Amino acid sequence: MRALACALFVACLTSSSPAAERPNVLFLLTDDQRADTVAALGNPVIETPHLDRLARSGFRFTNAYCMGSMGGAVCVPSRAMINSGRTLFHVENDLSGARLLPEVLRNAGYVTFGTGKWHNGAESFLRGFEHGKAVFFGGMSVHTQVPLADVGQGGELVNRRIGDEFSSTLFADAAIEFLDDYESEAPFYCYVAFTAPHDPRQAPSGYLTRYDPQDVPLPENFLPQHPFNNGWMTGRDEMLAPWPRTERVVREQLAEYYGLIAHLDHEIGRVLAALSRSGEAENTLIVYTADHGLAMGSHGLLGKQNLYEHSMKSPLVFAGAGIPEGESDALVYLLDTMPTVLDVARVLAPGGIEGKTLAPIWRGDETFTPRDSIYTAMGQTIRAVRDDRWKFIRYPHINRLQLFDLASDPHELRNLADEREHVETVQRMTELMTRWHQQVDDPHPLVSDDPQPAEIDLTNHPRQPDRHQPKWIVEKYF
């Protein structure tokens, strides 16, 4: 009897309602975009008019986190978590064994289309998407030479080629073509995964020099070099400029980064215009987020292989389809997007999902709190927890601790871990980290019996280009 009732409930959710009553979904995902790189979200320098309108008309989550990564390519597990609703240690990078958001929607009668970056294997993409054009199965490439493929009529990959336009334009064009030609009465799921503003930071003409480096402020937590070895100091992302980081180099890279985002905003505006032309805008849920942030000179770092706020936080906005304008500082994961989309679409979430729907927050349920703390992880060398005030970071390979009061120190500049008056807070956060460590099945120890030296001096690090450094970096800085 219980099984029959469950089956009837699923049927009500996925098939008995007219298709027009279920919203379409437009999912916009960017790559390496910090949470503070949208004008409407607090950046006074950058110009992002289309993302601004989206953010101001929708519901914004200001504490949205990637849970982390076990390798340097943070986008791979982040996108796996976003598309599966599972946590870091419970999902494979190729998404094997997981039910995917597009797969669940496809089985519920949605027409699914994907374009752009898919860093989690061709098999999982084809499982989720009935249609696809200009799909990039990889992590990064030169923006003007992206390897692409389409999905053929039989569900196979066809038309493999190298793109002849800038990546953001290619992916926007594919999404626009899908929206312009869409005629089905079934709702659609359109997934647009940009590679911008990931490096190489060479925006198209008109955007590359849009921002004068002298007018771009340094991050408030700018440092020439990170004060100790976090375990990722000589990784690929950290090789994108010599040490010590100079104000000139960081301003230049930020100006290029902002140029990429401005162009990205332009292309997203084109996609939103196509949605408006289609007549489906009012019945479309729009999700806008990024896979993680980026240091860009903060704390003396350039990459995302750290657990500071600038690298693990992303913009997260839900708009359209009756979503009210508003904002929440609730602690959420990017992996919460899958159950949230399914909630709004009135499609039953499959078993195994660990994310939580965020819809009750904008629906006004004051009793709902998705979680009271967040746990993040980076490789075997960094672990962090934060609650509504405190951020606690542990570096097991050197047994180093950091404690930040985010209420008074949002840029994580003053480490309080060794101060006597914060002993109890350190103990409480240590216990919280231990509970999370067990809960998420993190297999790596939180303490080392044989710690490495914490000191690292990169001032005289060899400045000869090596295989980790892209050609554009070698030409510009070496």
Protein backbone atom coordinates (compact mmCIF):
# COMPACT_ATOMS: atom_id res chain seq x y z
CA MET A 1 0.00 0.00 0.00
CA ARG A 2 2.80 2.39 0.90
CA ALA A 3 4.56 1.64 -2.39
CA LEU A 4 1.34 2.33 -4.30
CA ALA A 5 0.86 5.64 -2.52
CA CYS A 6 4.45 6.60 -3.32
CA ALA A 7 3.95 5.69 -6.98
CA LEU A 8 0.80 7.80 -7.17
CA PHE A 9 2.65 10.73 -5.56
CA VAL A 10 5.45 10.48 -8.11
CA ALA A 11 2.89 10.37 -10.92
CA CYS A 12 1.23 13.52 -9.61
CA LEU A 13 4.56 15.28 -9.45
CA THR A 14 5.85 14.27 -12.84
CA SER A 15 3.00 13.64 -15.23
CA SER A 16 -0.51 14.54 -14.16
CA SER A 17 -0.02 18.31 -14.18
CA PRO A 18 -0.14 19.95 -17.61
CA ALA A 19 3.36 20.56 -18.93
CA ALA A 20 2.72 24.29 -19.12
CA GLU A 21 2.27 24.38 -15.35
CA ARG A 22 5.76 23.05 -14.79
CA PRO A 23 8.43 25.69 -15.30
CA ASN A 24 11.20 25.50 -17.83
CA VAL A 25 14.70 25.73 -16.36
CA LEU A 26 17.58 27.82 -17.69
CA PHE A 27 20.78 26.99 -15.80
CA LEU A 28 23.67 29.43 -16.26
CA LEU A 29 26.99 28.19 -14.86
CA THR A 30 30.29 30.10 -15.01
CA ASP A 31 33.84 28.98 -14.28
CA ASP A 32 36.20 30.45 -11.65
CA GLN A 33 33.91 33.40 -10.87
CA ARG A 34 34.24 34.97 -7.42
CA ALA A 35 31.08 35.85 -5.55
CA ASP A 36 32.10 39.52 -5.48
CA THR A 37 32.45 40.03 -9.25
CA VAL A 38 28.91 41.20 -10.02
CA ALA A 39 28.08 44.88 -9.61
CA ALA A 40 24.71 44.19 -7.97
CA LEU A 41 26.40 41.85 -5.50
CA GLY A 42 28.74 44.53 -4.22
CA ASN A 43 31.47 45.23 -6.79
CA PRO A 44 31.72 48.98 -7.56
CA VAL A 45 34.16 48.58 -10.47
CA ILE A 46 32.82 45.88 -12.74
CA GLU A 47 29.98 46.44 -15.23
CA THR A 48 27.53 43.53 -15.37
CA PRO A 49 24.12 45.00 -16.33
CA HIS A 50 22.47 41.72 -17.33
CA LEU A 51 23.60 39.78 -14.27
CA ASP A 52 22.62 42.83 -12.20
CA ARG A 53 19.04 42.68 -13.46
CA LEU A 54 18.92 38.96 -12.82
CA ALA A 55 20.26 39.36 -9.28
CA ARG A 56 18.02 42.31 -8.41
CA SER A 57 14.88 40.63 -9.70
CA GLY A 58 15.62 37.24 -8.14
CA PHE A 59 16.55 35.65 -4.84
CA ARG A 60 20.22 35.87 -3.88
CA PHE A 61 22.17 33.55 -1.58
CA THR A 62 25.21 35.38 -0.22
CA ASN A 63 26.82 32.38 1.50
CA ALA A 64 26.87 29.74 -1.25
CA TYR A 65 29.86 27.36 -1.13
CA CYS A 66 31.58 24.75 -3.21
CA MET A 67 32.37 21.90 -0.79
CA GLY A 68 35.89 21.54 -2.15
CA SER A 69 38.04 19.13 -4.10
CA MET A 70 40.60 16.37 -3.71
CA GLY A 71 42.61 17.69 -6.67
CA GLY A 72 43.66 20.97 -8.20
CA ALA A 73 40.89 21.01 -10.82
CA VAL A 74 38.19 22.09 -8.38
CA CYS A 75 35.64 22.49 -11.18
CA VAL A 76 35.44 18.70 -11.72
CA PRO A 77 34.04 17.68 -8.31
CA SER A 78 32.12 20.94 -8.01
CA ARG A 79 30.21 20.29 -11.21
CA ALA A 80 29.72 16.67 -10.18
CA MET A 81 28.17 17.85 -6.91
CA ILE A 82 26.01 20.47 -8.62
CA ASN A 83 24.65 17.93 -11.10
CA SER A 84 24.08 15.13 -8.59
CA GLY A 85 23.15 16.86 -5.32
CA ARG A 86 25.74 14.68 -3.56
CA THR A 87 28.57 15.71 -1.28
CA LEU A 88 32.27 15.61 -2.12
CA PHE A 89 33.15 12.16 -0.76
CA HIS A 90 29.94 10.54 -2.02
CA VAL A 91 30.13 11.27 -5.75
CA GLU A 92 32.56 10.17 -8.45
CA ASN A 93 34.01 12.78 -10.77
CA ASP A 94 32.56 10.94 -13.79
CA LEU A 95 29.16 10.82 -12.03
CA SER A 96 28.99 7.03 -12.26
CA GLY A 97 26.34 5.62 -9.94
CA ALA A 98 24.62 8.99 -9.49
CA ARG A 99 21.29 10.26 -10.79
CA LEU A 100 21.80 13.57 -12.54
CA LEU A 101 19.59 16.65 -12.52
CA PRO A 102 19.07 16.60 -16.32
CA GLU A 103 18.52 12.84 -16.19
CA VAL A 104 15.79 13.13 -13.54
CA LEU A 105 14.11 15.98 -15.42
CA ARG A 106 14.37 14.07 -18.70
CA ASN A 107 12.67 11.08 -17.14
CA ALA A 108 9.95 13.41 -15.85
CA GLY A 109 9.12 14.64 -19.34
CA TYR A 110 11.47 17.58 -19.76
CA VAL A 111 13.33 18.15 -23.00
CA THR A 112 16.98 18.48 -21.95
CA PHE A 113 19.62 20.49 -23.81
CA GLY A 114 23.22 21.18 -22.84
CA THR A 115 26.02 23.33 -24.19
CA GLY A 116 29.44 24.39 -22.94
CA LYS A 117 31.82 22.80 -20.51
CA TRP A 118 31.13 19.29 -19.22
CA HIS A 119 34.13 18.12 -17.21
CA ASN A 120 32.57 14.88 -16.00
CA GLY A 121 32.77 12.48 -18.95
CA ALA A 122 30.76 11.93 -22.12
CA GLU A 123 28.74 9.00 -20.77
CA SER A 124 27.14 11.02 -18.00
CA PHE A 125 26.36 13.91 -20.39
CA LEU A 126 24.58 11.61 -22.83
CA ARG A 127 22.67 10.04 -19.97
CA GLY A 128 21.30 13.41 -18.95
CA PHE A 129 20.92 15.37 -22.16
CA GLU A 130 18.72 14.43 -25.10
CA HIS A 131 20.12 17.32 -27.12
CA GLY A 132 23.46 19.07 -27.10
CA LYS A 133 25.43 21.45 -29.27
CA ALA A 134 28.90 22.95 -28.88
CA VAL A 135 29.72 20.75 -25.90
CA PHE A 136 33.27 20.93 -24.51
CA PHE A 137 34.37 17.69 -22.82
CA GLY A 138 37.34 18.99 -20.90
CA GLY A 139 38.61 21.36 -18.27
CA MET A 140 40.21 24.32 -19.99
CA SER A 141 41.44 25.46 -23.37
CA VAL A 142 42.27 28.64 -25.24
CA HIS A 143 38.93 30.45 -25.52
CA THR A 144 39.23 30.73 -29.31
CA GLN A 145 40.17 27.08 -29.87
CA VAL A 146 37.69 25.06 -27.82
CA PRO A 147 37.26 21.38 -28.83
CA LEU A 148 33.53 20.85 -29.42
CA ALA A 149 31.02 18.11 -30.21
CA ASP A 150 27.27 17.88 -30.76
CA VAL A 151 24.72 15.22 -29.81
CA GLY A 152 23.37 13.39 -32.86
CA GLN A 153 19.87 12.09 -33.53
CA GLY A 154 20.79 8.68 -32.18
CA GLY A 155 22.23 10.02 -28.94
CA GLU A 156 25.85 9.77 -30.09
CA LEU A 157 28.53 12.47 -30.27
CA VAL A 158 28.98 13.93 -33.73
CA ASN A 159 30.55 16.88 -35.55
CA ARG A 160 33.74 17.01 -33.50
CA ARG A 161 35.57 20.24 -34.29
CA ILE A 162 37.51 23.23 -32.97
CA GLY A 163 35.38 26.27 -32.26
CA ASP A 164 35.83 29.30 -34.51
CA GLU A 165 34.43 31.91 -32.08
CA PHE A 166 35.20 32.98 -28.54
CA SER A 167 33.97 30.36 -26.06
CA SER A 168 31.28 32.48 -24.36
CA THR A 169 29.87 33.45 -27.76
CA LEU A 170 29.85 29.83 -28.99
CA PHE A 171 27.94 28.58 -25.98
CA ALA A 172 25.51 31.51 -25.99
CA ASP A 173 24.87 30.96 -29.71
CA ALA A 174 24.02 27.30 -29.10
CA ALA A 175 21.61 28.15 -26.28
CA ILE A 176 19.99 30.92 -28.34
CA GLU A 177 19.47 28.56 -31.28
CA PHE A 178 17.80 26.06 -28.95
CA LEU A 179 15.50 28.71 -27.46
CA ASP A 180 14.65 30.30 -30.81
CA ASP A 181 13.74 26.96 -32.39
CA TYR A 182 11.93 25.43 -29.41
CA GLU A 183 8.37 24.39 -30.28
CA SER A 184 7.55 21.48 -27.95
CA GLU A 185 4.73 21.78 -25.42
CA ALA A 186 6.92 19.93 -22.91
CA PRO A 187 8.99 22.04 -20.52
CA PHE A 188 12.70 22.34 -21.23
CA TYR A 189 15.91 22.22 -19.23
CA CYS A 190 18.61 24.33 -20.91
CA TYR A 191 22.07 24.03 -19.31
CA VAL A 192 24.63 26.62 -20.40
CA ALA A 193 28.07 26.04 -18.86
CA PHE A 194 30.56 28.76 -19.74
CA THR A 195 34.34 28.37 -19.43
CA ALA A 196 34.83 32.09 -18.74
CA PRO A 197 36.23 33.74 -16.71
CA HIS A 198 38.72 30.85 -16.38
CA ASP A 199 42.15 31.69 -17.76
CA PRO A 200 43.70 32.26 -20.20
CA ARG A 201 42.45 35.74 -19.37
CA GLN A 202 42.36 37.04 -22.93
CA ALA A 203 38.95 38.57 -23.52
CA PRO A 204 37.75 39.45 -27.06
CA SER A 205 38.56 42.77 -28.67
CA GLY A 206 36.82 45.61 -26.88
CA TYR A 207 36.86 43.80 -23.54
CA LEU A 208 40.54 42.96 -23.09
CA THR A 209 41.42 46.58 -22.30
CA ARG A 210 38.04 47.71 -20.97
CA TYR A 211 39.42 48.08 -17.44
CA ASP A 212 42.52 50.13 -16.75
CA PRO A 213 44.64 48.21 -14.21
CA GLN A 214 45.31 51.45 -12.37
CA ASP A 215 41.56 51.84 -11.74
CA VAL A 216 41.11 48.32 -10.40
CA PRO A 217 41.51 48.18 -6.61
CA LEU A 218 43.54 45.42 -5.02
CA PRO A 219 41.69 42.91 -2.88
CA GLU A 220 41.51 44.07 0.73
CA ASN A 221 43.39 40.90 1.71
CA PHE A 222 46.11 41.28 -0.93
CA LEU A 223 49.49 39.85 0.10
CA PRO A 224 52.72 39.42 -1.89
CA GLN A 225 52.92 35.82 -0.69
CA HIS A 226 50.90 33.45 1.46
CA PRO A 227 52.56 33.35 4.90
CA PHE A 228 53.00 29.57 5.06
CA ASN A 229 52.87 26.45 2.92
CA ASN A 230 49.23 25.49 2.46
CA GLY A 231 50.18 22.46 0.37
CA TRP A 232 49.32 24.06 -2.98
CA MET A 233 51.88 26.83 -3.28
CA THR A 234 53.50 25.60 -6.51
CA GLY A 235 50.42 24.18 -8.22
CA ARG A 236 49.44 25.13 -11.72
CA ASP A 237 47.20 28.09 -10.78
CA GLU A 238 49.84 29.55 -8.48
CA MET A 239 52.33 29.52 -11.36
CA LEU A 240 50.36 32.15 -13.28
CA ALA A 241 52.61 34.93 -11.97
CA PRO A 242 56.04 35.12 -10.34
CA TRP A 243 56.65 35.54 -6.61
CA PRO A 244 56.35 37.77 -4.77
CA ARG A 245 53.01 38.94 -6.17
CA THR A 246 53.32 42.59 -7.08
CA GLU A 247 50.52 45.12 -7.04
CA ARG A 248 51.07 45.74 -10.76
CA VAL A 249 50.71 42.11 -11.77
CA VAL A 250 47.63 41.53 -9.61
CA ARG A 251 45.93 44.69 -10.91
CA GLU A 252 46.68 43.61 -14.49
CA GLN A 253 45.25 40.13 -13.97
CA LEU A 254 42.18 41.52 -12.22
CA ALA A 255 41.59 43.94 -15.11
CA GLU A 256 41.76 41.04 -17.57
CA TYR A 257 39.52 38.93 -15.34
CA TYR A 258 36.93 41.72 -15.16
CA GLY A 259 37.07 42.06 -18.95
CA LEU A 260 36.23 38.38 -19.35
CA ILE A 261 33.32 38.74 -16.94
CA ALA A 262 32.01 41.85 -18.74
CA HIS A 263 32.01 39.91 -22.02
CA LEU A 264 30.41 36.94 -20.29
CA ASP A 265 27.69 39.26 -19.00
CA HIS A 266 27.07 40.48 -22.56
CA GLU A 267 26.64 36.91 -23.81
CA ILE A 268 24.33 35.99 -20.92
CA GLY A 269 22.29 39.06 -21.86
CA ARG A 270 21.89 37.63 -25.36
CA VAL A 271 20.64 34.33 -23.92
CA LEU A 272 18.16 36.12 -21.66
CA ALA A 273 16.93 38.16 -24.63
CA ALA A 274 16.30 34.93 -26.56
CA LEU A 275 14.36 33.57 -23.61
CA SER A 276 12.25 36.72 -23.61
CA ARG A 277 11.60 36.40 -27.38
CA SER A 278 10.47 32.82 -26.88
CA GLY A 279 7.54 33.93 -24.75
CA GLU A 280 8.62 31.49 -22.04
CA ALA A 281 10.39 33.89 -19.67
CA GLU A 282 7.57 34.12 -17.12
CA ASN A 283 7.38 30.33 -16.90
CA THR A 284 11.14 29.74 -16.68
CA LEU A 285 13.23 29.26 -13.57
CA ILE A 286 16.65 30.82 -14.10
CA VAL A 287 19.58 29.59 -12.01
CA TYR A 288 22.83 31.53 -12.11
CA THR A 289 25.93 30.38 -10.26
CA ALA A 290 29.62 29.51 -10.64
CA ASP A 291 31.49 26.32 -9.80
CA HIS A 292 33.73 28.11 -7.23
CA GLY A 293 35.63 31.34 -6.69
CA LEU A 294 39.27 32.36 -7.19
CA ALA A 295 41.96 34.10 -5.15
CA MET A 296 43.23 36.62 -7.73
CA GLY A 297 45.84 38.07 -5.35
CA SER A 298 43.91 37.57 -2.12
CA HIS A 299 46.14 36.13 0.63
CA GLY A 300 49.05 36.11 -1.81
CA LEU A 301 47.33 33.40 -3.89
CA LEU A 302 45.98 33.29 -7.44
CA GLY A 303 44.04 30.02 -7.66
CA LYS A 304 41.12 28.25 -6.05
CA GLN A 305 43.11 25.57 -4.23
CA ASN A 306 42.47 27.01 -0.78
CA LEU A 307 39.52 27.31 1.59
CA TYR A 308 39.34 31.05 2.09
CA GLU A 309 35.99 32.70 1.43
CA HIS A 310 37.10 34.21 -1.90
CA SER A 311 37.84 30.79 -3.38
CA MET A 312 35.01 28.59 -2.12
CA LYS A 313 32.12 31.06 -2.38
CA SER A 314 30.15 31.63 -5.58
CA PRO A 315 27.29 33.85 -6.67
CA LEU A 316 23.96 32.00 -6.49
CA VAL A 317 20.73 33.49 -7.80
CA PHE A 318 17.31 31.96 -8.52
CA ALA A 319 15.02 34.14 -10.65
CA GLY A 320 11.87 33.98 -12.76
CA ALA A 321 8.98 31.49 -12.43
CA GLY A 322 7.42 33.38 -9.54
CA ILE A 323 10.61 33.58 -7.45
CA PRO A 324 10.41 36.75 -5.31
CA GLU A 325 13.13 39.34 -5.05
CA GLY A 326 15.12 38.85 -1.86
CA GLU A 327 18.32 37.77 -0.20
CA SER A 328 19.46 35.23 2.37
CA ASP A 329 22.71 34.74 4.27
CA ALA A 330 21.85 31.10 5.01
CA LEU A 331 24.78 28.68 4.78
CA VAL A 332 24.19 26.72 1.58
CA TYR A 333 26.12 24.46 -0.76
CA LEU A 334 26.07 24.67 -4.54
CA LEU A 335 24.91 21.05 -4.46
CA ASP A 336 21.63 22.38 -3.01
CA THR A 337 20.74 23.62 -6.50
CA MET A 338 19.59 20.18 -7.71
CA PRO A 339 16.94 19.56 -5.02
CA THR A 340 15.87 23.21 -5.27
CA VAL A 341 15.29 22.97 -9.02
CA LEU A 342 13.40 19.70 -8.59
CA ASP A 343 11.27 21.29 -5.86
CA VAL A 344 10.31 24.23 -8.07
CA ALA A 345 9.70 21.86 -11.01
CA ARG A 346 7.54 19.63 -8.79
CA VAL A 347 9.61 16.58 -9.65
CA LEU A 348 10.38 14.06 -6.92
CA ALA A 349 14.06 13.99 -5.95
CA PRO A 350 15.73 10.57 -6.24
CA GLY A 351 17.34 8.77 -3.34
CA GLY A 352 20.92 9.57 -2.49
CA ILE A 353 20.61 13.34 -2.77
CA GLU A 354 22.27 15.08 0.18
CA GLY A 355 21.59 18.68 -0.84
CA LYS A 356 18.57 20.48 0.53
CA THR A 357 15.94 22.47 -1.29
CA LEU A 358 16.31 26.18 -0.63
CA ALA A 359 12.82 27.09 -1.82
CA PRO A 360 11.32 27.21 1.72
CA ILE A 361 13.56 30.22 2.41
CA TRP A 362 12.00 32.44 -0.26
CA ARG A 363 8.58 30.96 0.47
CA GLY A 364 8.82 32.50 3.90
CA ASP A 365 9.20 29.40 6.08
CA GLU A 366 10.88 31.00 9.09
CA THR A 367 11.32 27.62 10.78
CA PHE A 368 13.53 26.29 7.98
CA THR A 369 17.32 26.45 8.20
CA PRO A 370 19.22 24.31 5.68
CA ARG A 371 22.21 23.87 8.02
CA ASP A 372 23.94 25.74 10.83
CA SER A 373 27.50 25.17 9.59
CA ILE A 374 29.53 24.39 6.45
CA TYR A 375 32.44 21.96 5.96
CA THR A 376 34.94 22.32 3.13
CA ALA A 377 37.99 20.31 2.07
CA MET A 378 40.97 20.74 -0.24
CA GLY A 379 43.14 17.73 -1.04
CA GLN A 380 44.72 16.18 2.02
CA THR A 381 46.17 19.45 3.30
CA ILE A 382 43.28 21.81 4.20
CA ARG A 383 39.98 21.43 6.08
CA ALA A 384 37.60 24.16 7.23
CA VAL A 385 34.31 24.69 9.02
CA ARG A 386 32.33 27.85 9.52
CA ASP A 387 29.16 28.76 11.34
CA ASP A 388 27.23 32.02 11.29
CA ARG A 389 30.22 33.87 12.78
CA TRP A 390 33.41 31.83 13.05
CA LYS A 391 35.66 30.29 10.38
CA PHE A 392 38.12 27.59 11.48
CA ILE A 393 40.78 26.20 9.12
CA ARG A 394 43.13 23.31 9.82
CA TYR A 395 46.19 22.38 7.75
CA PRO A 396 46.88 18.74 8.72
CA HIS A 397 50.16 18.43 6.83
CA ILE A 398 51.74 21.16 9.02
CA ASN A 399 49.31 21.04 11.99
CA ARG A 400 48.57 24.76 11.57
CA LEU A 401 45.29 26.36 12.74
CA GLN A 402 43.48 29.53 11.72
CA LEU A 403 40.46 31.10 13.40
CA PHE A 404 38.68 34.10 11.90
CA ASP A 405 35.79 36.13 13.26
CA LEU A 406 33.89 36.69 10.01
CA ALA A 407 31.55 39.17 11.69
CA SER A 408 34.39 41.66 12.25
CA ASP A 409 36.98 40.27 9.81
CA PRO A 410 35.17 39.11 6.63
CA HIS A 411 38.42 39.15 4.63
CA GLU A 412 40.14 36.68 7.00
CA LEU A 413 43.08 38.87 7.88
CA ARG A 414 43.53 38.31 11.62
CA ASN A 415 44.21 34.79 12.83
CA LEU A 416 42.85 34.40 16.37
CA ALA A 417 43.70 30.71 16.83
CA ASP A 418 46.63 31.33 19.18
CA GLU A 419 44.99 34.01 21.31
CA ARG A 420 44.16 32.97 24.85
CA GLU A 421 40.65 34.44 24.91
CA HIS A 422 39.63 32.22 21.98
CA VAL A 423 40.70 28.85 23.41
CA GLU A 424 37.10 27.75 23.96
CA THR A 425 36.09 28.82 20.45
CA VAL A 426 38.96 26.82 18.95
CA GLN A 427 37.89 23.79 20.98
CA ARG A 428 34.25 24.15 19.91
CA MET A 429 35.17 24.54 16.26
CA THR A 430 37.55 21.58 16.49
CA GLU A 431 34.68 19.43 17.76
CA LEU A 432 32.42 20.74 14.99
CA MET A 433 35.05 19.88 12.38
CA THR A 434 35.43 16.38 13.82
CA ARG A 435 31.68 15.78 13.62
CA TRP A 436 31.57 16.96 10.02
CA HIS A 437 34.66 14.90 9.17
CA GLN A 438 32.85 11.77 10.30
CA GLN A 439 29.49 12.72 8.82
CA VAL A 440 30.78 13.22 5.27
CA ASP A 441 33.07 10.15 5.38
CA ASP A 442 36.24 12.18 4.88
CA PRO A 443 38.99 9.50 4.82
CA HIS A 444 41.91 11.85 5.43
CA PRO A 445 43.25 12.61 8.93
CA LEU A 446 42.85 16.03 10.55
CA VAL A 447 46.22 15.85 12.33
CA SER A 448 49.66 14.73 11.15
CA ASP A 449 51.99 12.63 13.30
CA ASP A 450 54.91 13.80 11.19
CA PRO A 451 54.15 17.35 10.07
CA GLN A 452 56.05 19.05 7.29
CA PRO A 453 57.75 22.45 7.72
CA ALA A 454 55.25 25.30 7.57
CA GLU A 455 57.74 27.82 6.21
CA ILE A 456 58.15 28.27 2.50
CA ASP A 457 60.09 30.99 0.70
CA LEU A 458 59.23 31.46 -2.94
CA THR A 459 60.99 34.78 -3.38
CA ASN A 460 63.84 33.17 -5.30
CA HIS A 461 61.74 30.44 -6.88
CA PRO A 462 63.08 29.73 -10.40
CA ARG A 463 61.37 32.08 -12.83
CA GLN A 464 62.06 30.02 -15.89
CA PRO A 465 58.86 28.91 -17.61
CA ASP A 466 57.97 25.24 -17.22
CA ARG A 467 55.32 22.91 -18.56
CA HIS A 468 52.74 24.15 -16.03
CA GLN A 469 52.76 27.68 -17.39
CA PRO A 470 50.52 28.62 -20.34
CA LYS A 471 52.15 30.35 -23.29
CA TRP A 472 50.37 33.64 -22.59
CA ILE A 473 51.78 33.73 -19.05
CA VAL A 474 55.31 32.95 -20.26
CA GLU A 475 55.16 35.71 -22.86
CA LYS A 476 53.78 38.30 -20.45
CA TYR A 477 55.64 37.74 -17.19
CA PHE A 478 58.76 35.68 -17.85
